[in-house]
PDB file of N, CA and C in Angstrom:
ATOM      1  N   ALA A   1       3.969   1.195   3.183  1.00  0.00           N
ATOM      2  CA  ALA A   1       4.099   2.493   2.130  1.00  0.00           C
ATOM      3  C   ALA A   1       5.057   2.036   1.248  1.00  0.00           C
ATOM      4  N   VAL A   2       6.268   1.890   1.457  1.00  0.00           N
ATOM      5  CA  VAL A   2       7.385   1.398   0.919  1.00  0.00           C
ATOM      6  C   VAL A   2       7.177   0.097  -0.116  1.00  0.00           C
ATOM      7  N   ALA A   3       6.805  -0.870   0.488  1.00  0.00           N
ATOM      8  CA  ALA A   3       6.312  -2.036  -0.261  1.00  0.00           C
ATOM      9  C   ALA A   3       5.393  -1.605  -1.463  1.00  0.00           C
ATOM     10  N   ALA A   4       4.467  -0.902  -1.131  1.00  0.00           N
ATOM     11  CA  ALA A   4       3.493  -0.684  -2.230  1.00  0.00           C
ATOM     12  C   ALA A   4       4.305   0.251  -3.261  1.00  0.00           C
ATOM     13  N   ALA A   5       4.760   1.088  -2.725  1.00  0.00           N
ATOM     14  CA  ALA A   5       5.796   1.980  -3.681  1.00  0.00           C
ATOM     15  C   ALA A   5       6.614   1.268  -4.559  1.00  0.00           C
ATOM     16  N   GLU A   6       7.337   0.488  -3.904  1.00  0.00           N
ATOM     17  CA  GLU A   6       8.275  -0.401  -4.731  1.00  0.00           C
ATOM     18  C   GLU A   6       7.582  -1.372  -5.811  1.00  0.00           C
ATOM     19  N   MET A   7       6.308  -1.880  -5.434  1.00  0.00           N
ATOM     20  CA  MET A   7       5.754  -2.698  -6.496  1.00  0.00           C
ATOM     21  C   MET A   7       5.181  -1.713  -7.513  1.00  0.00           C
ATOM     22  N   ALA A   8       4.690  -0.565  -7.243  1.00  0.00           N
ATOM     23  CA  ALA A   8       4.319   0.339  -8.385  1.00  0.00           C
ATOM     24  C   ALA A   8       5.557   0.962  -9.151  1.00  0.00           C
ATOM     25  N   PHE A   9       6.706   1.035  -8.519  1.00  0.00           N
ATOM     26  CA  PHE A   9       7.924   1.423  -9.301  1.00  0.00           C
ATOM     27  C   PHE A   9       8.373   0.449 -10.393  1.00  0.00           C
ATOM     28  N   ALA A  10       8.237  -0.870  -9.832  1.00  0.00           N
ATOM     29  CA  ALA A  10       8.757  -1.987 -10.605  1.00  0.00           C
ATOM     30  C   ALA A  10       7.800  -2.359 -11.827  1.00  0.00           C
ATOM     31  N   GLY A  11       6.348  -2.038 -11.671  1.00  0.00           N
ATOM     32  CA  GLY A  11       5.432  -1.963 -12.756  1.00  0.00           C
ATOM     33  C   GLY A  11       5.133  -0.826 -13.497  1.00  0.00           C
ATOM     34  N   GLY A  12       5.786   0.275 -13.149  1.00  0.00           N
ATOM     35  CA  GLY A  12       5.535   1.520 -13.668  1.00  0.00           C
ATOM     36  C   GLY A  12       3.993   1.934 -13.612  1.00  0.00           C
ATOM     37  N   LEU A  13       3.111   1.419 -12.630  1.00  0.00           N
ATOM     38  CA  LEU A  13       1.950   1.602 -12.500  1.00  0.00           C
ATOM     39  C   LEU A  13       1.523   2.476 -11.309  1.00  0.00           C
ATOM     40  N   GLY A  14       0.230   2.746 -11.203  1.00  0.00           N
ATOM     41  CA  GLY A  14      -0.281   3.780 -10.085  1.00  0.00           C
ATOM     42  C   GLY A  14      -0.878   2.789  -9.182  1.00  0.00           C
ATOM     43  N   LEU A  15      -1.023   3.318  -7.949  1.00  0.00           N
ATOM     44  CA  LEU A  15      -1.991   2.470  -7.000  1.00  0.00           C
ATOM     45  C   LEU A  15      -2.832   3.377  -6.217  1.00  0.00           C
ATOM     46  N   ASP A  16      -3.882   2.711  -5.586  1.00  0.00           N
ATOM     47  CA  ASP A  16      -4.768   3.696  -4.887  1.00  0.00           C
ATOM     48  C   ASP A  16      -5.169   2.470  -3.684  1.00  0.00           C
ATOM     49  N   ILE A  17      -4.646   3.177  -2.280  1.00  0.00           N
ATOM     50  CA  ILE A  17      -4.632   2.307  -1.110  1.00  0.00           C
ATOM     51  C   ILE A  17      -5.313   3.089  -0.130  1.00  0.00           C
ATOM     52  N   ASP A  18      -6.475   2.377   0.595  1.00  0.00           N
ATOM     53  CA  ASP A  18      -7.121   2.904   1.741  1.00  0.00           C
ATOM     54  C   ASP A  18      -6.730   2.310   3.009  1.00  0.00           C
ATOM     55  N   LEU A  19      -6.063   3.145   3.912  1.00  0.00           N
ATOM     56  CA  LEU A  19      -5.483   2.755   5.201  1.00  0.00           C
ATOM     57  C   LEU A  19      -6.767   2.339   6.181  1.00  0.00           C
ATOM     58  N   ALA A  20      -8.006   2.881   5.927  1.00  0.00           N
ATOM     59  CA  ALA A  20      -9.044   2.489   6.642  1.00  0.00           C
ATOM     60  C   ALA A  20      -9.344   1.039   6.644  1.00  0.00           C
ATOM     61  N   LYS A  21      -8.903   0.329   5.714  1.00  0.00           N
ATOM     62  CA  LYS A  21      -9.091  -1.158   5.585  1.00  0.00           C
ATOM     63  C   LYS A  21      -8.161  -2.034   6.131  1.00  0.00           C
ATOM     64  N   VAL A  22      -7.089  -1.319   6.933  1.00  0.00           N
ATOM     65  CA  VAL A  22      -5.888  -2.046   7.579  1.00  0.00           C
ATOM     66  C   VAL A  22      -6.366  -2.108   9.118  1.00  0.00           C
ATOM     67  N   GLU A  23      -6.393  -3.259   9.560  1.00  0.00           N
ATOM     68  CA  GLU A  23      -6.808  -3.396  10.944  1.00  0.00           C
ATOM     69  C   GLU A  23      -5.427  -3.256  11.885  1.00  0.00           C
ATOM     70  N   LEU A  24      -5.764  -2.576  13.027  1.00  0.00           N
ATOM     71  CA  LEU A  24      -4.637  -2.733  13.851  1.00  0.00           C
ATOM     72  C   LEU A  24      -5.133  -2.972  15.335  1.00  0.00           C
ATOM     73  N   ALA A  25      -4.385  -3.810  16.109  1.00  0.00           N
ATOM     74  CA  ALA A  25      -5.039  -4.039  17.463  1.00  0.00           C
ATOM     75  C   ALA A  25      -4.730  -2.736  18.354  1.00  0.00           C
ATOM     76  N   GLY A  26      -5.520  -2.581  19.214  1.00  0.00           N
ATOM     77  CA  GLY A  26      -5.528  -1.623  20.147  1.00  0.00           C
ATOM     78  C   GLY A  26      -6.619  -0.480  19.918  1.00  0.00           C
ATOM     79  N   GLU A  27      -6.426   0.760  20.563  1.00  0.00           N
ATOM     80  CA  GLU A  27      -7.251   1.593  20.265  1.00  0.00           C
ATOM     81  C   GLU A  27      -6.714   2.853  19.065  1.00  0.00           C
ATOM     82  N   ALA A  28      -7.880   3.138  18.650  1.00  0.00           N
ATOM     83  CA  ALA A  28      -7.488   3.997  17.532  1.00  0.00           C
ATOM     84  C   ALA A  28      -7.075   5.347  18.195  1.00  0.00           C
ATOM     85  N   GLY A  29      -6.023   6.301  17.430  1.00  0.00           N
ATOM     86  CA  GLY A  29      -5.504   7.673  18.119  1.00  0.00           C
ATOM     87  C   GLY A  29      -4.783   8.174  16.920  1.00  0.00           C
ATOM     88  N   ALA A  30      -4.529   9.300  17.433  1.00  0.00           N
ATOM     89  CA  ALA A  30      -3.514  10.034  16.588  1.00  0.00           C
ATOM     90  C   ALA A  30      -2.390   9.265  15.975  1.00  0.00           C
ATOM     91  N   GLY A  31      -1.927   9.516  14.641  1.00  0.00           N
ATOM     92  CA  GLY A  31      -0.921   8.785  14.042  1.00  0.00           C
ATOM     93  C   GLY A  31      -1.184   7.576  13.637  1.00  0.00           C
ATOM     94  N   GLN A  32      -2.179   6.910  13.859  1.00  0.00           N
ATOM     95  CA  GLN A  32      -2.634   5.659  13.480  1.00  0.00           C
ATOM     96  C   GLN A  32      -2.385   5.391  11.931  1.00  0.00           C
ATOM     97  N   ALA A  33      -2.715   6.498  11.157  1.00  0.00           N
ATOM     98  CA  ALA A  33      -2.440   6.182   9.585  1.00  0.00           C
ATOM     99  C   ALA A  33      -1.006   6.028   9.454  1.00  0.00           C
ATOM    100  N   MET A  34      -0.251   6.921  10.138  1.00  0.00           N
ATOM    101  CA  MET A  34       1.234   6.742   9.923  1.00  0.00           C
ATOM    102  C   MET A  34       1.706   5.428  10.331  1.00  0.00           C
ATOM    103  N   LEU A  35       1.325   4.839  11.515  1.00  0.00           N
ATOM    104  CA  LEU A  35       1.542   3.622  11.799  1.00  0.00           C
ATOM    105  C   LEU A  35       1.308   2.484  10.913  1.00  0.00           C
ATOM    106  N   LYS A  36       0.105   2.877  10.468  1.00  0.00           N
ATOM    107  CA  LYS A  36      -0.318   1.541   9.201  1.00  0.00           C
ATOM    108  C   LYS A  36       0.438   1.794   8.136  1.00  0.00           C
ATOM    109  N   LEU A  37       1.052   2.939   7.704  1.00  0.00           N
ATOM    110  CA  LEU A  37       1.994   3.183   6.653  1.00  0.00           C
ATOM    111  C   LEU A  37       3.324   2.392   6.896  1.00  0.00           C
ATOM    112  N   PHE A  38       3.670   2.854   7.991  1.00  0.00           N
ATOM    113  CA  PHE A  38       5.222   2.636   8.188  1.00  0.00           C
ATOM    114  C   PHE A  38       5.741   1.302   9.076  1.00  0.00           C
ATOM    115  N   ALA A  39       4.663   0.916   9.822  1.00  0.00           N
ATOM    116  CA  ALA A  39       4.943  -0.235  10.795  1.00  0.00           C
ATOM    117  C   ALA A  39       5.086  -1.557  10.168  1.00  0.00           C
ATOM    118  N   GLU A  40       6.196  -2.205  10.558  1.00  0.00           N
ATOM    119  CA  GLU A  40       6.684  -3.602   9.995  1.00  0.00           C
ATOM    120  C   GLU A  40       6.744  -4.461  11.087  1.00  0.00           C
ATOM    121  N   SER A  41       5.834  -5.456  10.698  1.00  0.00           N
ATOM    122  CA  SER A  41       5.498  -6.733  11.741  1.00  0.00           C
ATOM    123  C   SER A  41       5.736  -7.845  10.929  1.00  0.00           C
ATOM    124  N   ASN A  42       6.254  -8.803  11.634  1.00  0.00           N
ATOM    125  CA  ASN A  42       6.358 -10.115  10.978  1.00  0.00           C
ATOM    126  C   ASN A  42       5.465 -10.928  10.429  1.00  0.00           C
ATOM    127  N   THR A  43       4.263 -10.392  10.674  1.00  0.00           N
ATOM    128  CA  THR A  43       3.008 -11.234  10.237  1.00  0.00           C
ATOM    129  C   THR A  43       2.169 -10.285   9.252  1.00  0.00           C
ATOM    130  N   ARG A  44       2.612  -9.206   8.863  1.00  0.00           N
ATOM    131  CA  ARG A  44       2.073  -8.463   7.801  1.00  0.00           C
ATOM    132  C   ARG A  44       2.641  -8.460   6.334  1.00  0.00           C
ATOM    133  N   PHE A  45       1.915  -9.036   5.578  1.00  0.00           N
ATOM    134  CA  PHE A  45       2.183  -8.763   4.222  1.00  0.00           C
ATOM    135  C   PHE A  45       1.597  -8.102   2.940  1.00  0.00           C
ATOM    136  N   LEU A  46       1.925  -7.700   1.982  1.00  0.00           N
ATOM    137  CA  LEU A  46       1.311  -7.010   0.996  1.00  0.00           C
ATOM    138  C   LEU A  46       1.440  -7.821  -0.131  1.00  0.00           C
ATOM    139  N   CYS A  47       0.206  -8.277  -0.792  1.00  0.00           N
ATOM    140  CA  CYS A  47       0.328  -9.231  -1.856  1.00  0.00           C
ATOM    141  C   CYS A  47      -0.505  -8.468  -3.077  1.00  0.00           C
ATOM    142  N   GLU A  48       0.098  -8.721  -4.291  1.00  0.00           N
ATOM    143  CA  GLU A  48      -0.696  -8.118  -5.527  1.00  0.00           C
ATOM    144  C   GLU A  48      -1.431  -9.360  -6.102  1.00  0.00           C
ATOM    145  N   VAL A  49      -2.565  -9.382  -6.450  1.00  0.00           N
ATOM    146  CA  VAL A  49      -3.312 -10.496  -6.841  1.00  0.00           C
ATOM    147  C   VAL A  49      -4.229  -9.936  -7.872  1.00  0.00           C
ATOM    148  N   PRO A  50      -4.138 -10.683  -9.172  1.00  0.00           N
ATOM    149  CA  PRO A  50      -4.964 -10.486 -10.104  1.00  0.00           C
ATOM    150  C   PRO A  50      -6.560 -10.187  -9.841  1.00  0.00           C
ATOM    151  N   PRO A  51      -7.237  -9.457 -10.144  1.00  0.00           N
ATOM    152  CA  PRO A  51      -8.893  -9.677  -9.715  1.00  0.00           C
ATOM    153  C   PRO A  51      -9.474 -10.656  -9.851  1.00  0.00           C
ATOM    154  N   GLU A  52      -9.178 -11.555 -10.955  1.00  0.00           N
ATOM    155  CA  GLU A  52     -10.013 -12.967 -11.161  1.00  0.00           C
ATOM    156  C   GLU A  52      -9.375 -13.776 -10.409  1.00  0.00           C
ATOM    157  N   HIS A  53      -8.393 -13.692  -9.737  1.00  0.00           N
ATOM    158  CA  HIS A  53      -7.827 -14.605  -8.494  1.00  0.00           C
ATOM    159  C   HIS A  53      -8.050 -14.328  -7.084  1.00  0.00           C
ATOM    160  N   ALA A  54      -8.739 -13.312  -6.976  1.00  0.00           N
ATOM    161  CA  ALA A  54      -8.752 -12.557  -5.341  1.00  0.00           C
ATOM    162  C   ALA A  54      -9.626 -13.497  -4.666  1.00  0.00           C
ATOM    163  N   GLU A  55     -10.776 -13.989  -5.108  1.00  0.00           N
ATOM    164  CA  GLU A  55     -11.650 -14.798  -4.350  1.00  0.00           C
ATOM    165  C   GLU A  55     -10.875 -16.032  -3.950  1.00  0.00           C
ATOM    166  N   ARG A  56     -10.154 -16.783  -4.796  1.00  0.00           N
ATOM    167  CA  ARG A  56      -9.456 -17.827  -4.510  1.00  0.00           C
ATOM    168  C   ARG A  56      -8.367 -17.655  -3.517  1.00  0.00           C
ATOM    169  N   PHE A  57      -7.590 -16.565  -3.791  1.00  0.00           N
ATOM    170  CA  PHE A  57      -6.524 -15.948  -2.866  1.00  0.00           C
ATOM    171  C   PHE A  57      -6.943 -15.907  -1.412  1.00  0.00           C
ATOM    172  N   ALA A  58      -8.094 -15.139  -1.272  1.00  0.00           N
ATOM    173  CA  ALA A  58      -8.696 -15.054   0.103  1.00  0.00           C
ATOM    174  C   ALA A  58      -9.173 -16.226   0.620  1.00  0.00           C
ATOM    175  N   ASP A  59      -9.782 -17.142  -0.131  1.00  0.00           N
ATOM    176  CA  ASP A  59     -10.080 -18.548   0.418  1.00  0.00           C
ATOM    177  C   ASP A  59      -8.679 -19.452   1.002  1.00  0.00           C
ATOM    178  N   GLN A  60      -7.791 -19.041   0.443  1.00  0.00           N
ATOM    179  CA  GLN A  60      -6.470 -19.654   1.050  1.00  0.00           C
ATOM    180  C   GLN A  60      -6.075 -19.303   2.435  1.00  0.00           C
ATOM    181  N   PHE A  61      -6.797 -18.082   2.926  1.00  0.00           N
ATOM    182  CA  PHE A  61      -6.350 -17.519   4.047  1.00  0.00           C
ATOM    183  C   PHE A  61      -7.615 -17.327   4.937  1.00  0.00           C
ATOM    184  N   ALA A  62      -8.621 -18.069   4.679  1.00  0.00           N
ATOM    185  CA  ALA A  62      -9.925 -18.013   5.458  1.00  0.00           C
ATOM    186  C   ALA A  62      -9.790 -17.709   6.845  1.00  0.00           C
ATOM    187  N   ASN A  63      -8.737 -18.480   7.517  1.00  0.00           N
ATOM    188  CA  ASN A  63      -8.913 -18.397   9.049  1.00  0.00           C
ATOM    189  C   ASN A  63      -7.893 -17.296   9.619  1.00  0.00           C
ATOM    190  N   LEU A  64      -7.326 -16.376   8.606  1.00  0.00           N
ATOM    191  CA  LEU A  64      -6.587 -15.358   9.192  1.00  0.00           C
ATOM    192  C   LEU A  64      -7.144 -13.876   8.689  1.00  0.00           C
ATOM    193  N   THR A  65      -6.526 -12.959   9.319  1.00  0.00           N
ATOM    194  CA  THR A  65      -7.160 -11.573   9.016  1.00  0.00           C
ATOM    195  C   THR A  65      -6.369 -11.359   7.702  1.00  0.00           C
ATOM    196  N   LEU A  66      -7.166 -10.780   6.811  1.00  0.00           N
ATOM    197  CA  LEU A  66      -7.030 -10.434   5.523  1.00  0.00           C
ATOM    198  C   LEU A  66      -7.994  -9.379   4.835  1.00  0.00           C
ATOM    199  N   ALA A  67      -7.255  -8.396   4.370  1.00  0.00           N
ATOM    200  CA  ALA A  67      -8.027  -7.101   3.936  1.00  0.00           C
ATOM    201  C   ALA A  67      -7.637  -6.782   2.457  1.00  0.00           C
ATOM    202  N   ARG A  68      -8.436  -6.331   1.597  1.00  0.00           N
ATOM    203  CA  ARG A  68      -8.160  -5.895   0.471  1.00  0.00           C
ATOM    204  C   ARG A  68      -8.137  -4.296   0.489  1.00  0.00           C
ATOM    205  N   VAL A  69      -6.839  -3.814   0.541  1.00  0.00           N
ATOM    206  CA  VAL A  69      -6.567  -2.494   0.759  1.00  0.00           C
ATOM    207  C   VAL A  69      -6.633  -1.579  -0.411  1.00  0.00           C
ATOM    208  N   GLY A  70      -6.419  -2.002  -1.513  1.00  0.00           N
ATOM    209  CA  GLY A  70      -6.304  -1.057  -2.479  1.00  0.00           C
ATOM    210  C   GLY A  70      -6.373  -1.754  -3.870  1.00  0.00           C
ATOM    211  N   THR A  71      -6.032  -1.066  -4.814  1.00  0.00           N
ATOM    212  CA  THR A  71      -5.931  -1.632  -6.222  1.00  0.00           C
ATOM    213  C   THR A  71      -4.613  -0.932  -7.143  1.00  0.00           C
ATOM    214  N   VAL A  72      -4.418  -1.686  -8.144  1.00  0.00           N
ATOM    215  CA  VAL A  72      -3.260  -1.152  -8.989  1.00  0.00           C
ATOM    216  C   VAL A  72      -4.102  -0.156  -9.910  1.00  0.00           C
ATOM    217  N   SER A  73      -3.327   0.650 -10.526  1.00  0.00           N
ATOM    218  CA  SER A  73      -4.228   1.527 -11.602  1.00  0.00           C
ATOM    219  C   SER A  73      -3.007   1.823 -12.639  1.00  0.00           C
ATOM    220  N   GLU A  74      -3.651   2.360 -13.654  1.00  0.00           N
ATOM    221  CA  GLU A  74      -2.776   2.699 -14.853  1.00  0.00           C
ATOM    222  C   GLU A  74      -2.641   4.443 -14.930  1.00  0.00           C
ATOM    223  N   THR A  75      -3.041   4.925 -13.736  1.00  0.00           N
ATOM    224  CA  THR A  75      -2.881   6.694 -13.654  1.00  0.00           C
ATOM    225  C   THR A  75      -1.380   6.841 -13.555  1.00  0.00           C
ATOM    226  N   GLY A  76      -0.666   5.997 -12.989  1.00  0.00           N
ATOM    227  CA  GLY A  76       0.951   6.605 -12.918  1.00  0.00           C
ATOM    228  C   GLY A  76       0.877   7.414 -11.505  1.00  0.00           C
ATOM    229  N   ASN A  77      -0.233   7.565 -10.857  1.00  0.00           N
ATOM    230  CA  ASN A  77      -0.278   8.025  -9.425  1.00  0.00           C
ATOM    231  C   ASN A  77      -0.401   7.268  -8.181  1.00  0.00           C
ATOM    232  N   ALA A  78       0.247   7.539  -7.243  1.00  0.00           N
ATOM    233  CA  ALA A  78       0.301   6.956  -5.858  1.00  0.00           C
ATOM    234  C   ALA A  78      -0.701   7.581  -5.064  1.00  0.00           C
ATOM    235  N   ILE A  79      -1.942   6.907  -4.820  1.00  0.00           N
ATOM    236  CA  ILE A  79      -2.885   7.686  -3.972  1.00  0.00           C
ATOM    237  C   ILE A  79      -3.086   6.703  -2.704  1.00  0.00           C
ATOM    238  N   ILE A  80      -2.886   7.459  -1.409  1.00  0.00           N
ATOM    239  CA  ILE A  80      -3.010   6.780  -0.329  1.00  0.00           C
ATOM    240  C   ILE A  80      -4.017   7.805   0.480  1.00  0.00           C
ATOM    241  N   ARG A  81      -4.865   6.973   0.950  1.00  0.00           N
ATOM    242  CA  ARG A  81      -6.109   7.671   1.592  1.00  0.00           C
ATOM    243  C   ARG A  81      -6.299   6.860   3.053  1.00  0.00           C
ATOM    244  N   ASP A  82      -6.968   7.714   4.097  1.00  0.00           N
ATOM    245  CA  ASP A  82      -7.431   6.816   5.283  1.00  0.00           C
ATOM    246  C   ASP A  82      -8.998   7.273   5.383  1.00  0.00           C
ATOM    247  N   GLY A  83      -9.580   6.480   4.664  1.00  0.00           N
ATOM    248  CA  GLY A  83     -10.980   6.712   4.382  1.00  0.00           C
ATOM    249  C   GLY A  83     -11.273   7.891   3.588  1.00  0.00           C
ATOM    250  N   GLU A  84     -12.032   8.836   3.802  1.00  0.00           N
ATOM    251  CA  GLU A  84     -12.089  10.064   2.912  1.00  0.00           C
ATOM    252  C   GLU A  84     -11.114  10.927   2.879  1.00  0.00           C
ATOM    253  N   THR A  85     -10.026  10.956   3.861  1.00  0.00           N
ATOM    254  CA  THR A  85      -8.957  11.600   3.816  1.00  0.00           C
ATOM    255  C   THR A  85      -7.882  11.404   2.950  1.00  0.00           C
ATOM    256  N   LYS A  86      -7.598  12.100   2.042  1.00  0.00           N
ATOM    257  CA  LYS A  86      -6.438  11.882   0.970  1.00  0.00           C
ATOM    258  C   LYS A  86      -5.043  12.345   1.662  1.00  0.00           C
ATOM    259  N   LEU A  87      -4.148  11.348   1.850  1.00  0.00           N
ATOM    260  CA  LEU A  87      -2.987  11.561   2.474  1.00  0.00           C
ATOM    261  C   LEU A  87      -1.864  11.695   1.388  1.00  0.00           C
ATOM    262  N   VAL A  88      -1.972  11.173   0.412  1.00  0.00           N
ATOM    263  CA  VAL A  88      -0.760  11.205  -0.714  1.00  0.00           C
ATOM    264  C   VAL A  88      -1.462  10.989  -1.966  1.00  0.00           C
ATOM    265  N   ASP A  89      -1.112  11.932  -2.995  1.00  0.00           N
ATOM    266  CA  ASP A  89      -1.683  11.940  -4.347  1.00  0.00           C
ATOM    267  C   ASP A  89      -0.463  12.400  -5.179  1.00  0.00           C
ATOM    268  N   LEU A  90       0.503  11.523  -5.701  1.00  0.00           N
ATOM    269  CA  LEU A  90       1.617  11.989  -6.274  1.00  0.00           C
ATOM    270  C   LEU A  90       1.916  10.985  -7.506  1.00  0.00           C
ATOM    271  N   PRO A  91       2.534  11.512  -8.484  1.00  0.00           N
ATOM    272  CA  PRO A  91       3.230  10.722  -9.419  1.00  0.00           C
ATOM    273  C   PRO A  91       4.144   9.642  -8.941  1.00  0.00           C
ATOM    274  N   VAL A  92       4.017   8.342  -9.279  1.00  0.00           N
ATOM    275  CA  VAL A  92       4.932   7.379  -8.982  1.00  0.00           C
ATOM    276  C   VAL A  92       6.243   7.843  -9.562  1.00  0.00           C
ATOM    277  N   ALA A  93       6.356   8.360 -10.656  1.00  0.00           N
ATOM    278  CA  ALA A  93       7.821   8.712 -11.024  1.00  0.00           C
ATOM    279  C   ALA A  93       8.578   9.723 -10.072  1.00  0.00           C
ATOM    280  N   GLU A  94       7.786  10.590  -9.728  1.00  0.00           N
ATOM    281  CA  GLU A  94       8.398  11.631  -8.493  1.00  0.00           C
ATOM    282  C   GLU A  94       8.693  10.677  -7.185  1.00  0.00           C
ATOM    283  N   LEU A  95       7.785   9.799  -6.811  1.00  0.00           N
ATOM    284  CA  LEU A  95       8.130   9.041  -5.660  1.00  0.00           C
ATOM    285  C   LEU A  95       9.677   8.159  -5.820  1.00  0.00           C
ATOM    286  N   LYS A  96       9.499   7.775  -7.219  1.00  0.00           N
ATOM    287  CA  LYS A  96      10.665   6.889  -7.275  1.00  0.00           C
ATOM    288  C   LYS A  96      12.028   7.459  -7.349  1.00  0.00           C
ATOM    289  N   GLN A  97      11.953   8.904  -7.860  1.00  0.00           N
ATOM    290  CA  GLN A  97      13.092   9.527  -7.940  1.00  0.00           C
ATOM    291  C   GLN A  97      13.581  10.076  -6.581  1.00  0.00           C
ATOM    292  N   ALA A  98      12.648  10.325  -5.721  1.00  0.00           N
ATOM    293  CA  ALA A  98      13.009  10.436  -4.214  1.00  0.00           C
ATOM    294  C   ALA A  98      13.591   9.352  -3.587  1.00  0.00           C
ATOM    295  N   TRP A  99      13.039   8.000  -3.886  1.00  0.00           N
ATOM    296  CA  TRP A  99      13.397   7.022  -3.611  1.00  0.00           C
ATOM    297  C   TRP A  99      15.065   6.516  -3.590  1.00  0.00           C
ATOM    298  N   ARG A 100      15.204   6.913  -5.071  1.00  0.00           N
ATOM    299  CA  ARG A 100      16.544   6.562  -5.678  1.00  0.00           C
ATOM    300  C   ARG A 100      17.733   7.697  -5.180  1.00  0.00           C
ATOM    301  N   ALA A 101      17.085   8.962  -4.935  1.00  0.00           N
ATOM    302  CA  ALA A 101      18.147   9.985  -4.613  1.00  0.00           C
ATOM    303  C   ALA A 101      19.268   9.647  -3.769  1.00  0.00           C
ATOM    304  N   PRO A 102      19.053   9.032  -2.592  1.00  0.00           N
ATOM    305  CA  PRO A 102      20.228   8.694  -1.676  1.00  0.00           C
ATOM    306  C   PRO A 102      21.209   7.949  -2.137  1.00  0.00           C
ATOM    307  N   LEU A 103      20.602   7.106  -3.443  1.00  0.00           N
ATOM    308  CA  LEU A 103      21.638   6.110  -3.907  1.00  0.00           C
ATOM    309  C   LEU A 103      22.337   6.718  -4.939  1.00  0.00           C
ATOM    310  N   ASP A 104      22.241   7.806  -5.599  1.00  0.00           N
ATOM    311  CA  ASP A 104      22.614   8.400  -6.955  1.00  0.00           C
ATOM    312  C   ASP A 104      23.810   9.120  -6.387  1.00  0.00           C
ATOM    313  N   TRP A 105      25.084   8.482  -6.315  1.00  0.00           N
ATOM    314  CA  TRP A 105      26.155   9.080  -5.930  1.00  0.00           C
ATOM    315  C   TRP A 105      27.018   9.720  -7.012  1.00  0.00           C
ATOM    316  N   SER A 106      26.540   9.616  -8.233  1.00  0.00           N
ATOM    317  CA  SER A 106      27.145  10.102  -9.318  1.00  0.00           C
ATOM    318  C   SER A 106      27.233  11.630  -9.630  1.00  0.00           C
TER     319      SER A 106
END
């Protein structure tokens, strides 16, 4: 979640992510969406790839688990869903302000 938000902050764009497309080892259960949002593992990366290069990018990782989990948008909103369930739908500017608040000592 933080990596995706930081990408949106940097570009001033929106995002739409579907956590249902993120694979997890083990059984599904309560809290799985939060685990997908905030778990940090050494082998998990979030990459932005222009649509015209998506197929070529995927080909480079043909033998690894790879999922297209979302898209960049020009809405200015961060939308995070788990399948049909919408978890977050907030302006990126609002998220950026909350992210920066602990660092604003002035």
